[in-house]
Amino acid sequence: MRRLSLLGVAVAGALSACDFNLVPYPKVDVPYTVAPNRITCTASTFQGQSCLLIKRGEETLWRELEPPFIGGFTHEIGFRYRLLVSEQFVPPVTTYTLKQVLEKTPDATTALPGQP
């Protein structure tokens, strides 16, 4: 019984010495389309704040992107953007960084979540 408890202590000590967040996931570059308008966030954590509407990659429907948005990108209402965004998952969050503005086009339409 004593050997089993010593083994448990040794395993627990070894695991506690590990930092599972030392190695982030690789960065991935993804094309984004950003809508010309913003909406009020619906996620409980960000309720009442302003959210961007995006289409990631080949997505066809608009969806919310909550703050802190895309590092290095400043959204101007009235313009639709095509961006190249670098995504990196570093547990527990994904960070988004602007790599390149591919296109910035004046657009007076209003996008809605879940709509094409």
PDB file of N, CA and C in Angstrom:
ATOM      1  N   MET A   1       0.826  -1.189   0.000  1.00  0.00           N
ATOM      2  CA  MET A   1       0.000   0.000   0.000  1.00  0.00           C
ATOM      3  C   MET A   1       0.871   1.255   0.000  1.00  0.00           C
ATOM      4  N   ARG A   2       1.975   1.179   0.752  1.00  0.00           N
ATOM      5  CA  ARG A   2       2.853   2.336   0.834  1.00  0.00           C
ATOM      6  C   ARG A   2       3.485   2.630  -0.528  1.00  0.00           C
ATOM      7  N   ARG A   3       3.833   1.592  -1.294  1.00  0.00           N
ATOM      8  CA  ARG A   3       4.412   1.775  -2.623  1.00  0.00           C
ATOM      9  C   ARG A   3       3.438   2.494  -3.548  1.00  0.00           C
ATOM     10  N   LEU A   4       2.156   2.108  -3.453  1.00  0.00           N
ATOM     11  CA  LEU A   4       1.134   2.724  -4.292  1.00  0.00           C
ATOM     12  C   LEU A   4       0.985   4.208  -3.982  1.00  0.00           C
ATOM     13  N   SER A   5       0.997   4.582  -2.718  1.00  0.00           N
ATOM     14  CA  SER A   5       0.858   5.995  -2.374  1.00  0.00           C
ATOM     15  C   SER A   5       2.104   6.775  -2.779  1.00  0.00           C
ATOM     16  N   LEU A   6       3.286   6.147  -2.667  1.00  0.00           N
ATOM     17  CA  LEU A   6       4.508   6.827  -3.119  1.00  0.00           C
ATOM     18  C   LEU A   6       4.496   7.028  -4.629  1.00  0.00           C
ATOM     19  N   LEU A   7       3.983   6.025  -5.343  1.00  0.00           N
ATOM     20  CA  LEU A   7       3.860   6.148  -6.793  1.00  0.00           C
ATOM     21  C   LEU A   7       2.904   7.287  -7.141  1.00  0.00           C
ATOM     22  N   GLY A   8       1.810   7.387  -6.434  1.00  0.00           N
ATOM     23  CA  GLY A   8       0.843   8.475  -6.657  1.00  0.00           C
ATOM     24  C   GLY A   8       1.470   9.834  -6.424  1.00  0.00           C
ATOM     25  N   VAL A   9       2.258   9.971  -5.372  1.00  0.00           N
ATOM     26  CA  VAL A   9       2.938  11.232  -5.073  1.00  0.00           C
ATOM     27  C   VAL A   9       3.937  11.558  -6.176  1.00  0.00           C
ATOM     28  N   ALA A  10       4.681  10.555  -6.648  1.00  0.00           N
ATOM     29  CA  ALA A  10       5.667  10.773  -7.706  1.00  0.00           C
ATOM     30  C   ALA A  10       5.001  11.212  -9.001  1.00  0.00           C
ATOM     31  N   VAL A  11       3.904  10.558  -9.377  1.00  0.00           N
ATOM     32  CA  VAL A  11       3.185  10.928 -10.607  1.00  0.00           C
ATOM     33  C   VAL A  11       2.609  12.330 -10.476  1.00  0.00           C
ATOM     34  N   ALA A  12       1.984  12.627  -9.338  1.00  0.00           N
ATOM     35  CA  ALA A  12       1.407  13.956  -9.133  1.00  0.00           C
ATOM     36  C   ALA A  12       2.487  15.027  -9.196  1.00  0.00           C
ATOM     37  N   GLY A  13       3.640  14.750  -8.610  1.00  0.00           N
ATOM     38  CA  GLY A  13       4.742  15.714  -8.647  1.00  0.00           C
ATOM     39  C   GLY A  13       5.250  15.940 -10.055  1.00  0.00           C
ATOM     40  N   ALA A  14       5.360  14.860 -10.819  1.00  0.00           N
ATOM     41  CA  ALA A  14       5.832  14.987 -12.201  1.00  0.00           C
ATOM     42  C   ALA A  14       4.854  15.784 -13.044  1.00  0.00           C
ATOM     43  N   LEU A  15       3.559  15.529 -12.867  1.00  0.00           N
ATOM     44  CA  LEU A  15       2.555  16.258 -13.646  1.00  0.00           C
ATOM     45  C   LEU A  15       2.491  17.721 -13.259  1.00  0.00           C
ATOM     46  N   SER A  16       2.645  18.021 -11.975  1.00  0.00           N
ATOM     47  CA  SER A  16       2.569  19.415 -11.552  1.00  0.00           C
ATOM     48  C   SER A  16       3.770  20.205 -12.044  1.00  0.00           C
ATOM     49  N   ALA A  17       4.866  19.532 -12.329  1.00  0.00           N
ATOM     50  CA  ALA A  17       6.050  20.216 -12.846  1.00  0.00           C
ATOM     51  C   ALA A  17       5.915  20.540 -14.325  1.00  0.00           C
ATOM     52  N   CYS A  18       4.971  19.889 -15.006  1.00  0.00           N
ATOM     53  CA  CYS A  18       4.768  20.131 -16.434  1.00  0.00           C
ATOM     54  C   CYS A  18       3.951  21.394 -16.636  1.00  0.00           C
ATOM     55  N   ASP A  19       4.323  22.176 -17.610  1.00  0.00           N
ATOM     56  CA  ASP A  19       3.528  23.335 -18.001  1.00  0.00           C
ATOM     57  C   ASP A  19       2.961  23.033 -19.375  1.00  0.00           C
ATOM     58  N   PHE A  20       1.684  22.669 -19.414  1.00  0.00           N
ATOM     59  CA  PHE A  20       1.062  22.248 -20.661  1.00  0.00           C
ATOM     60  C   PHE A  20       0.856  23.404 -21.633  1.00  0.00           C
ATOM     61  N   ASN A  21       1.041  24.641 -21.196  1.00  0.00           N
ATOM     62  CA  ASN A  21       0.838  25.802 -22.055  1.00  0.00           C
ATOM     63  C   ASN A  21       2.151  26.340 -22.619  1.00  0.00           C
ATOM     64  N   LEU A  22       3.260  25.657 -22.391  1.00  0.00           N
ATOM     65  CA  LEU A  22       4.541  26.160 -22.881  1.00  0.00           C
ATOM     66  C   LEU A  22       4.610  26.178 -24.396  1.00  0.00           C
ATOM     67  N   VAL A  23       4.036  25.208 -25.038  1.00  0.00           N
ATOM     68  CA  VAL A  23       4.128  25.113 -26.491  1.00  0.00           C
ATOM     69  C   VAL A  23       2.763  25.459 -27.091  1.00  0.00           C
ATOM     70  N   PRO A  24       2.638  26.657 -27.688  1.00  0.00           N
ATOM     71  CA  PRO A  24       1.355  26.997 -28.313  1.00  0.00           C
ATOM     72  C   PRO A  24       1.147  26.209 -29.596  1.00  0.00           C
ATOM     73  N   TYR A  25      -0.090  26.138 -30.010  1.00  0.00           N
ATOM     74  CA  TYR A  25      -0.410  25.499 -31.275  1.00  0.00           C
ATOM     75  C   TYR A  25       0.194  26.337 -32.394  1.00  0.00           C
ATOM     76  N   PRO A  26       0.428  25.745 -33.569  1.00  0.00           N
ATOM     77  CA  PRO A  26       1.003  26.523 -34.675  1.00  0.00           C
ATOM     78  C   PRO A  26       0.052  27.616 -35.150  1.00  0.00           C
ATOM     79  N   LYS A  27       0.635  28.680 -35.683  1.00  0.00           N
ATOM     80  CA  LYS A  27      -0.176  29.753 -36.272  1.00  0.00           C
ATOM     81  C   LYS A  27      -0.734  29.273 -37.596  1.00  0.00           C
ATOM     82  N   VAL A  28      -1.959  29.720 -37.886  1.00  0.00           N
ATOM     83  CA  VAL A  28      -2.620  29.377 -39.137  1.00  0.00           C
ATOM     84  C   VAL A  28      -3.101  30.681 -39.765  1.00  0.00           C
ATOM     85  N   ASP A  29      -2.790  30.895 -41.033  1.00  0.00           N
ATOM     86  CA  ASP A  29      -3.262  32.082 -41.739  1.00  0.00           C
ATOM     87  C   ASP A  29      -4.575  31.758 -42.435  1.00  0.00           C
ATOM     88  N   VAL A  30      -5.604  32.581 -42.149  1.00  0.00           N
ATOM     89  CA  VAL A  30      -6.950  32.323 -42.634  1.00  0.00           C
ATOM     90  C   VAL A  30      -7.520  33.601 -43.252  1.00  0.00           C
ATOM     91  N   PRO A  31      -8.159  33.512 -44.432  1.00  0.00           N
ATOM     92  CA  PRO A  31      -8.824  34.692 -44.986  1.00  0.00           C
ATOM     93  C   PRO A  31     -10.117  34.970 -44.218  1.00  0.00           C
ATOM     94  N   TYR A  32     -10.360  36.227 -43.927  1.00  0.00           N
ATOM     95  CA  TYR A  32     -11.579  36.669 -43.244  1.00  0.00           C
ATOM     96  C   TYR A  32     -12.261  37.708 -44.112  1.00  0.00           C
ATOM     97  N   THR A  33     -13.585  37.725 -44.062  1.00  0.00           N
ATOM     98  CA  THR A  33     -14.363  38.844 -44.593  1.00  0.00           C
ATOM     99  C   THR A  33     -15.004  39.510 -43.381  1.00  0.00           C
ATOM    100  N   VAL A  34     -14.888  40.821 -43.296  1.00  0.00           N
ATOM    101  CA  VAL A  34     -15.449  41.578 -42.172  1.00  0.00           C
ATOM    102  C   VAL A  34     -16.565  42.457 -42.709  1.00  0.00           C
ATOM    103  N   ALA A  35     -17.736  42.384 -42.066  1.00  0.00           N
ATOM    104  CA  ALA A  35     -18.919  43.137 -42.500  1.00  0.00           C
ATOM    105  C   ALA A  35     -18.716  44.642 -42.296  1.00  0.00           C
ATOM    106  N   PRO A  36     -19.471  45.442 -43.046  1.00  0.00           N
ATOM    107  CA  PRO A  36     -19.340  46.892 -42.936  1.00  0.00           C
ATOM    108  C   PRO A  36     -19.955  47.472 -41.661  1.00  0.00           C
ATOM    109  N   ASN A  37     -20.722  46.665 -40.947  1.00  0.00           N
ATOM    110  CA  ASN A  37     -21.363  47.145 -39.718  1.00  0.00           C
ATOM    111  C   ASN A  37     -20.949  46.291 -38.527  1.00  0.00           C
ATOM    112  N   ARG A  38     -21.230  46.807 -37.343  1.00  0.00           N
ATOM    113  CA  ARG A  38     -21.043  46.049 -36.107  1.00  0.00           C
ATOM    114  C   ARG A  38     -22.416  45.790 -35.510  1.00  0.00           C
ATOM    115  N   ILE A  39     -22.463  44.855 -34.562  1.00  0.00           N
ATOM    116  CA  ILE A  39     -23.710  44.586 -33.850  1.00  0.00           C
ATOM    117  C   ILE A  39     -23.419  44.575 -32.349  1.00  0.00           C
ATOM    118  N   THR A  40     -24.476  44.589 -31.555  1.00  0.00           N
ATOM    119  CA  THR A  40     -24.324  44.425 -30.119  1.00  0.00           C
ATOM    120  C   THR A  40     -24.108  42.937 -29.846  1.00  0.00           C
ATOM    121  N   CYS A  41     -23.062  42.601 -29.109  1.00  0.00           N
ATOM    122  CA  CYS A  41     -22.721  41.206 -28.832  1.00  0.00           C
ATOM    123  C   CYS A  41     -23.860  40.495 -28.107  1.00  0.00           C
ATOM    124  N   THR A  42     -24.059  39.228 -28.450  1.00  0.00           N
ATOM    125  CA  THR A  42     -25.092  38.436 -27.784  1.00  0.00           C
ATOM    126  C   THR A  42     -24.506  37.467 -26.768  1.00  0.00           C
ATOM    127  N   ALA A  43     -23.213  37.169 -26.843  1.00  0.00           N
ATOM    128  CA  ALA A  43     -22.582  36.261 -25.875  1.00  0.00           C
ATOM    129  C   ALA A  43     -22.640  36.898 -24.488  1.00  0.00           C
ATOM    130  N   SER A  44     -22.986  36.106 -23.477  1.00  0.00           N
ATOM    131  CA  SER A  44     -23.196  36.643 -22.136  1.00  0.00           C
ATOM    132  C   SER A  44     -21.981  37.381 -21.589  1.00  0.00           C
ATOM    133  N   THR A  45     -20.784  36.927 -21.929  1.00  0.00           N
ATOM    134  CA  THR A  45     -19.571  37.569 -21.434  1.00  0.00           C
ATOM    135  C   THR A  45     -19.406  38.985 -21.982  1.00  0.00           C
ATOM    136  N   PHE A  46     -19.895  39.213 -23.193  1.00  0.00           N
ATOM    137  CA  PHE A  46     -19.679  40.495 -23.860  1.00  0.00           C
ATOM    138  C   PHE A  46     -20.972  41.259 -24.129  1.00  0.00           C
ATOM    139  N   GLN A  47     -22.071  40.874 -23.491  1.00  0.00           N
ATOM    140  CA  GLN A  47     -23.358  41.519 -23.740  1.00  0.00           C
ATOM    141  C   GLN A  47     -23.240  43.025 -23.565  1.00  0.00           C
ATOM    142  N   GLY A  48     -23.828  43.739 -24.532  1.00  0.00           N
ATOM    143  CA  GLY A  48     -23.810  45.195 -24.495  1.00  0.00           C
ATOM    144  C   GLY A  48     -22.616  45.810 -25.196  1.00  0.00           C
ATOM    145  N   GLN A  49     -21.571  45.020 -25.476  1.00  0.00           N
ATOM    146  CA  GLN A  49     -20.403  45.530 -26.187  1.00  0.00           C
ATOM    147  C   GLN A  49     -20.610  45.379 -27.692  1.00  0.00           C
ATOM    148  N   SER A  50     -19.752  46.010 -28.447  1.00  0.00           N
ATOM    149  CA  SER A  50     -19.821  45.970 -29.902  1.00  0.00           C
ATOM    150  C   SER A  50     -19.015  44.796 -30.437  1.00  0.00           C
ATOM    151  N   CYS A  51     -19.624  44.003 -31.331  1.00  0.00           N
ATOM    152  CA  CYS A  51     -18.957  42.857 -31.960  1.00  0.00           C
ATOM    153  C   CYS A  51     -18.828  43.074 -33.463  1.00  0.00           C
ATOM    154  N   LEU A  52     -17.756  42.538 -34.026  1.00  0.00           N
ATOM    155  CA  LEU A  52     -17.623  42.501 -35.474  1.00  0.00           C
ATOM    156  C   LEU A  52     -18.413  41.311 -36.008  1.00  0.00           C
ATOM    157  N   LEU A  53     -18.801  41.385 -37.266  1.00  0.00           N
ATOM    158  CA  LEU A  53     -19.386  40.249 -37.969  1.00  0.00           C
ATOM    159  C   LEU A  53     -18.360  39.792 -38.994  1.00  0.00           C
ATOM    160  N   ILE A  54     -18.090  38.484 -38.982  1.00  0.00           N
ATOM    161  CA  ILE A  54     -17.059  37.949 -39.873  1.00  0.00           C
ATOM    162  C   ILE A  54     -17.552  36.697 -40.577  1.00  0.00           C
ATOM    163  N   LYS A  55     -16.889  36.397 -41.679  1.00  0.00           N
ATOM    164  CA  LYS A  55     -16.969  35.096 -42.340  1.00  0.00           C
ATOM    165  C   LYS A  55     -15.531  34.608 -42.402  1.00  0.00           C
ATOM    166  N   ARG A  56     -15.276  33.442 -41.822  1.00  0.00           N
ATOM    167  CA  ARG A  56     -13.935  32.875 -41.750  1.00  0.00           C
ATOM    168  C   ARG A  56     -13.770  31.879 -42.896  1.00  0.00           C
ATOM    169  N   GLY A  57     -12.712  32.053 -43.679  1.00  0.00           N
ATOM    170  CA  GLY A  57     -12.443  31.118 -44.771  1.00  0.00           C
ATOM    171  C   GLY A  57     -13.593  31.083 -45.761  1.00  0.00           C
ATOM    172  N   GLU A  58     -14.128  29.893 -46.010  1.00  0.00           N
ATOM    173  CA  GLU A  58     -15.208  29.710 -46.984  1.00  0.00           C
ATOM    174  C   GLU A  58     -16.602  29.762 -46.356  1.00  0.00           C
ATOM    175  N   GLU A  59     -16.709  30.197 -45.101  1.00  0.00           N
ATOM    176  CA  GLU A  59     -18.029  30.282 -44.467  1.00  0.00           C
ATOM    177  C   GLU A  59     -18.951  31.172 -45.289  1.00  0.00           C
ATOM    178  N   THR A  60     -20.232  30.850 -45.271  1.00  0.00           N
ATOM    179  CA  THR A  60     -21.196  31.620 -46.068  1.00  0.00           C
ATOM    180  C   THR A  60     -22.110  32.476 -45.202  1.00  0.00           C
ATOM    181  N   LEU A  61     -22.110  32.242 -43.887  1.00  0.00           N
ATOM    182  CA  LEU A  61     -22.987  33.001 -42.994  1.00  0.00           C
ATOM    183  C   LEU A  61     -22.164  33.873 -42.043  1.00  0.00           C
ATOM    184  N   TRP A  62     -22.678  35.063 -41.760  1.00  0.00           N
ATOM    185  CA  TRP A  62     -22.007  35.970 -40.829  1.00  0.00           C
ATOM    186  C   TRP A  62     -22.089  35.415 -39.414  1.00  0.00           C
ATOM    187  N   ARG A  63     -21.015  35.614 -38.651  1.00  0.00           N
ATOM    188  CA  ARG A  63     -21.017  35.260 -37.230  1.00  0.00           C
ATOM    189  C   ARG A  63     -20.249  36.306 -36.441  1.00  0.00           C
ATOM    190  N   GLU A  64     -20.522  36.359 -35.142  1.00  0.00           N
ATOM    191  CA  GLU A  64     -19.909  37.358 -34.273  1.00  0.00           C
ATOM    192  C   GLU A  64     -18.447  37.026 -33.973  1.00  0.00           C
ATOM    193  N   LEU A  65     -17.648  38.075 -33.887  1.00  0.00           N
ATOM    194  CA  LEU A  65     -16.294  37.960 -33.342  1.00  0.00           C
ATOM    195  C   LEU A  65     -16.242  38.934 -32.173  1.00  0.00           C
ATOM    196  N   GLU A  66     -16.099  38.386 -30.965  1.00  0.00           N
ATOM    197  CA  GLU A  66     -16.112  39.199 -29.762  1.00  0.00           C
ATOM    198  C   GLU A  66     -14.770  39.890 -29.549  1.00  0.00           C
ATOM    199  N   PRO A  67     -14.785  40.950 -28.720  1.00  0.00           N
ATOM    200  CA  PRO A  67     -13.510  41.595 -28.355  1.00  0.00           C
ATOM    201  C   PRO A  67     -12.559  40.565 -27.772  1.00  0.00           C
ATOM    202  N   PRO A  68     -11.277  40.696 -27.949  1.00  0.00           N
ATOM    203  CA  PRO A  68     -10.523  41.849 -28.412  1.00  0.00           C
ATOM    204  C   PRO A  68     -10.319  41.924 -29.919  1.00  0.00           C
ATOM    205  N   PHE A  69     -11.109  41.284 -30.713  1.00  0.00           N
ATOM    206  CA  PHE A  69     -11.057  41.373 -32.176  1.00  0.00           C
ATOM    207  C   PHE A  69      -9.741  40.886 -32.754  1.00  0.00           C
ATOM    208  N   ILE A  70      -9.233  41.633 -33.745  1.00  0.00           N
ATOM    209  CA  ILE A  70      -8.046  41.223 -34.508  1.00  0.00           C
ATOM    210  C   ILE A  70      -6.940  42.241 -34.239  1.00  0.00           C
ATOM    211  N   GLY A  71      -5.872  41.790 -33.632  1.00  0.00           N
ATOM    212  CA  GLY A  71      -4.757  42.679 -33.308  1.00  0.00           C
ATOM    213  C   GLY A  71      -4.194  43.353 -34.544  1.00  0.00           C
ATOM    214  N   GLY A  72      -4.042  44.677 -34.489  1.00  0.00           N
ATOM    215  CA  GLY A  72      -3.494  45.432 -35.605  1.00  0.00           C
ATOM    216  C   GLY A  72      -4.521  45.873 -36.631  1.00  0.00           C
ATOM    217  N   PHE A  73      -5.800  45.527 -36.421  1.00  0.00           N
ATOM    218  CA  PHE A  73      -6.853  45.876 -37.373  1.00  0.00           C
ATOM    219  C   PHE A  73      -7.794  46.899 -36.747  1.00  0.00           C
ATOM    220  N   THR A  74      -8.072  47.967 -37.504  1.00  0.00           N
ATOM    221  CA  THR A  74      -9.036  48.980 -37.081  1.00  0.00           C
ATOM    222  C   THR A  74     -10.199  48.957 -38.053  1.00  0.00           C
ATOM    223  N   HIS A  75     -11.380  48.650 -37.532  1.00  0.00           N
ATOM    224  CA  HIS A  75     -12.585  48.546 -38.353  1.00  0.00           C
ATOM    225  C   HIS A  75     -13.219  49.913 -38.532  1.00  0.00           C
ATOM    226  N   GLU A  76     -13.499  50.269 -39.786  1.00  0.00           N
ATOM    227  CA  GLU A  76     -14.248  51.496 -40.097  1.00  0.00           C
ATOM    228  C   GLU A  76     -15.621  51.084 -40.578  1.00  0.00           C
ATOM    229  N   ILE A  77     -16.655  51.576 -39.900  1.00  0.00           N
ATOM    230  CA  ILE A  77     -18.022  51.271 -40.303  1.00  0.00           C
ATOM    231  C   ILE A  77     -18.245  51.820 -41.709  1.00  0.00           C
ATOM    232  N   GLY A  78     -18.950  51.041 -42.543  1.00  0.00           N
ATOM    233  CA  GLY A  78     -19.225  51.443 -43.919  1.00  0.00           C
ATOM    234  C   GLY A  78     -18.271  50.841 -44.937  1.00  0.00           C
ATOM    235  N   PHE A  79     -17.355  50.004 -44.468  1.00  0.00           N
ATOM    236  CA  PHE A  79     -16.414  49.341 -45.367  1.00  0.00           C
ATOM    237  C   PHE A  79     -16.428  47.839 -45.106  1.00  0.00           C
ATOM    238  N   ARG A  80     -16.449  47.073 -46.187  1.00  0.00           N
ATOM    239  CA  ARG A  80     -16.310  45.611 -46.104  1.00  0.00           C
ATOM    240  C   ARG A  80     -14.838  45.313 -46.351  1.00  0.00           C
ATOM    241  N   TYR A  81     -14.292  44.429 -45.542  1.00  0.00           N
ATOM    242  CA  TYR A  81     -12.873  44.088 -45.626  1.00  0.00           C
ATOM    243  C   TYR A  81     -12.680  42.620 -45.971  1.00  0.00           C
ATOM    244  N   ARG A  82     -11.623  42.359 -46.723  1.00  0.00           N
ATOM    245  CA  ARG A  82     -11.089  41.005 -46.855  1.00  0.00           C
ATOM    246  C   ARG A  82      -9.698  41.071 -46.246  1.00  0.00           C
ATOM    247  N   LEU A  83      -9.462  40.210 -45.264  1.00  0.00           N
ATOM    248  CA  LEU A  83      -8.210  40.232 -44.510  1.00  0.00           C
ATOM    249  C   LEU A  83      -7.535  38.872 -44.548  1.00  0.00           C
ATOM    250  N   LEU A  84      -6.250  38.875 -44.319  1.00  0.00           N
ATOM    251  CA  LEU A  84      -5.531  37.648 -44.025  1.00  0.00           C
ATOM    252  C   LEU A  84      -5.171  37.744 -42.545  1.00  0.00           C
ATOM    253  N   VAL A  85      -5.696  36.806 -41.756  1.00  0.00           N
ATOM    254  CA  VAL A  85      -5.555  36.846 -40.303  1.00  0.00           C
ATOM    255  C   VAL A  85      -4.766  35.627 -39.827  1.00  0.00           C
ATOM    256  N   SER A  86      -3.818  35.875 -38.963  1.00  0.00           N
ATOM    257  CA  SER A  86      -3.049  34.795 -38.343  1.00  0.00           C
ATOM    258  C   SER A  86      -3.748  34.414 -37.042  1.00  0.00           C
ATOM    259  N   GLU A  87      -4.154  33.137 -36.941  1.00  0.00           N
ATOM    260  CA  GLU A  87      -4.817  32.631 -35.741  1.00  0.00           C
ATOM    261  C   GLU A  87      -3.836  31.733 -34.990  1.00  0.00           C
ATOM    262  N   GLN A  88      -3.836  31.856 -33.673  1.00  0.00           N
ATOM    263  CA  GLN A  88      -3.014  30.957 -32.870  1.00  0.00           C
ATOM    264  C   GLN A  88      -3.753  30.626 -31.585  1.00  0.00           C
ATOM    265  N   PHE A  89      -3.915  29.333 -31.338  1.00  0.00           N
ATOM    266  CA  PHE A  89      -4.551  28.878 -30.114  1.00  0.00           C
ATOM    267  C   PHE A  89      -3.477  28.675 -29.061  1.00  0.00           C
ATOM    268  N   VAL A  90      -3.545  29.484 -28.015  1.00  0.00           N
ATOM    269  CA  VAL A  90      -2.680  29.334 -26.850  1.00  0.00           C
ATOM    270  C   VAL A  90      -3.639  29.113 -25.687  1.00  0.00           C
ATOM    271  N   PRO A  91      -3.792  27.878 -25.251  1.00  0.00           N
ATOM    272  CA  PRO A  91      -4.828  27.569 -24.269  1.00  0.00           C
ATOM    273  C   PRO A  91      -4.841  28.579 -23.118  1.00  0.00           C
ATOM    274  N   PRO A  92      -5.996  29.110 -22.802  1.00  0.00           N
ATOM    275  CA  PRO A  92      -7.332  28.702 -23.233  1.00  0.00           C
ATOM    276  C   PRO A  92      -7.947  29.600 -24.307  1.00  0.00           C
ATOM    277  N   VAL A  93      -7.187  30.452 -24.977  1.00  0.00           N
ATOM    278  CA  VAL A  93      -7.780  31.386 -25.938  1.00  0.00           C
ATOM    279  C   VAL A  93      -7.114  31.303 -27.312  1.00  0.00           C
ATOM    280  N   THR A  94      -7.842  31.781 -28.320  1.00  0.00           N
ATOM    281  CA  THR A  94      -7.282  31.940 -29.654  1.00  0.00           C
ATOM    282  C   THR A  94      -6.990  33.420 -29.850  1.00  0.00           C
ATOM    283  N   THR A  95      -5.794  33.725 -30.341  1.00  0.00           N
ATOM    284  CA  THR A  95      -5.449  35.111 -30.652  1.00  0.00           C
ATOM    285  C   THR A  95      -5.533  35.306 -32.158  1.00  0.00           C
ATOM    286  N   TYR A  96      -5.925  36.509 -32.552  1.00  0.00           N
ATOM    287  CA  TYR A  96      -6.093  36.868 -33.958  1.00  0.00           C
ATOM    288  C   TYR A  96      -5.221  38.082 -34.240  1.00  0.00           C
ATOM    289  N   THR A  97      -4.362  37.981 -35.269  1.00  0.00           N
ATOM    290  CA  THR A  97      -3.464  39.070 -35.623  1.00  0.00           C
ATOM    291  C   THR A  97      -3.567  39.343 -37.119  1.00  0.00           C
ATOM    292  N   LEU A  98      -3.705  40.610 -37.470  1.00  0.00           N
ATOM    293  CA  LEU A  98      -3.776  41.000 -38.879  1.00  0.00           C
ATOM    294  C   LEU A  98      -2.442  40.753 -39.561  1.00  0.00           C
ATOM    295  N   LYS A  99      -2.487  40.019 -40.666  1.00  0.00           N
ATOM    296  CA  LYS A  99      -1.289  39.844 -41.496  1.00  0.00           C
ATOM    297  C   LYS A  99      -1.317  40.807 -42.672  1.00  0.00           C
ATOM    298  N   GLN A 100      -2.528  40.955 -43.281  1.00  0.00           N
ATOM    299  CA  GLN A 100      -2.620  41.809 -44.466  1.00  0.00           C
ATOM    300  C   GLN A 100      -4.069  42.193 -44.729  1.00  0.00           C
ATOM    301  N   VAL A 101      -4.286  43.447 -45.130  1.00  0.00           N
ATOM    302  CA  VAL A 101      -5.589  43.878 -45.643  1.00  0.00           C
ATOM    303  C   VAL A 101      -5.563  43.583 -47.132  1.00  0.00           C
ATOM    304  N   LEU A 102      -6.398  42.646 -47.566  1.00  0.00           N
ATOM    305  CA  LEU A 102      -6.429  42.247 -48.973  1.00  0.00           C
ATOM    306  C   LEU A 102      -7.320  43.169 -49.792  1.00  0.00           C
ATOM    307  N   GLU A 103      -8.380  43.686 -49.149  1.00  0.00           N
ATOM    308  CA  GLU A 103      -9.337  44.533 -49.861  1.00  0.00           C
ATOM    309  C   GLU A 103     -10.132  45.346 -48.845  1.00  0.00           C
ATOM    310  N   LYS A 104     -10.410  46.609 -49.181  1.00  0.00           N
ATOM    311  CA  LYS A 104     -11.260  47.484 -48.373  1.00  0.00           C
ATOM    312  C   LYS A 104     -12.201  48.185 -49.343  1.00  0.00           C
ATOM    313  N   THR A 105     -13.510  47.860 -49.238  1.00  0.00           N
ATOM    314  CA  THR A 105     -14.491  48.331 -50.203  1.00  0.00           C
ATOM    315  C   THR A 105     -15.628  49.054 -49.506  1.00  0.00           C
ATOM    316  N   PRO A 106     -16.004  50.263 -49.970  1.00  0.00           N
ATOM    317  CA  PRO A 106     -17.183  50.918 -49.393  1.00  0.00           C
ATOM    318  C   PRO A 106     -18.409  50.024 -49.561  1.00  0.00           C
ATOM    319  N   ASP A 107     -19.239  49.928 -48.512  1.00  0.00           N
ATOM    320  CA  ASP A 107     -20.399  49.054 -48.534  1.00  0.00           C
ATOM    321  C   ASP A 107     -21.438  49.597 -47.568  1.00  0.00           C
ATOM    322  N   ALA A 108     -22.636  49.911 -48.069  1.00  0.00           N
ATOM    323  CA  ALA A 108     -23.682  50.494 -47.229  1.00  0.00           C
ATOM    324  C   ALA A 108     -24.682  49.450 -46.721  1.00  0.00           C
ATOM    325  N   THR A 109     -24.434  48.161 -46.987  1.00  0.00           N
ATOM    326  CA  THR A 109     -25.382  47.133 -46.558  1.00  0.00           C
ATOM    327  C   THR A 109     -25.238  46.867 -45.050  1.00  0.00           C
ATOM    328  N   THR A 110     -26.222  46.189 -44.499  1.00  0.00           N
ATOM    329  CA  THR A 110     -26.195  45.802 -43.092  1.00  0.00           C
ATOM    330  C   THR A 110     -26.213  44.281 -43.001  1.00  0.00           C
ATOM    331  N   ALA A 111     -25.176  43.728 -42.412  1.00  0.00           N
ATOM    332  CA  ALA A 111     -25.084  42.269 -42.240  1.00  0.00           C
ATOM    333  C   ALA A 111     -25.718  41.880 -40.912  1.00  0.00           C
ATOM    334  N   LEU A 112     -26.244  40.662 -40.858  1.00  0.00           N
ATOM    335  CA  LEU A 112     -26.849  40.115 -39.646  1.00  0.00           C
ATOM    336  C   LEU A 112     -26.295  38.724 -39.379  1.00  0.00           C
ATOM    337  N   PRO A 113     -26.091  38.355 -38.096  1.00  0.00           N
ATOM    338  CA  PRO A 113     -25.580  37.010 -37.795  1.00  0.00           C
ATOM    339  C   PRO A 113     -26.492  35.937 -38.361  1.00  0.00           C
ATOM    340  N   GLY A 114     -25.879  34.901 -38.920  1.00  0.00           N
ATOM    341  CA  GLY A 114     -26.640  33.782 -39.463  1.00  0.00           C
ATOM    342  C   GLY A 114     -27.208  34.026 -40.851  1.00  0.00           C
ATOM    343  N   GLN A 115     -26.957  35.184 -41.416  1.00  0.00           N
ATOM    344  CA  GLN A 115     -27.434  35.520 -42.753  1.00  0.00           C
ATOM    345  C   GLN A 115     -26.273  35.465 -43.747  1.00  0.00           C
ATOM    346  N   PRO A 116     -26.566  35.206 -45.019  1.00  0.00           N
ATOM    347  CA  PRO A 116     -25.478  35.198 -46.028  1.00  0.00           C
ATOM    348  C   PRO A 116     -24.990  36.606 -46.349  1.00  0.00           C
TER     349      PRO A 116
END
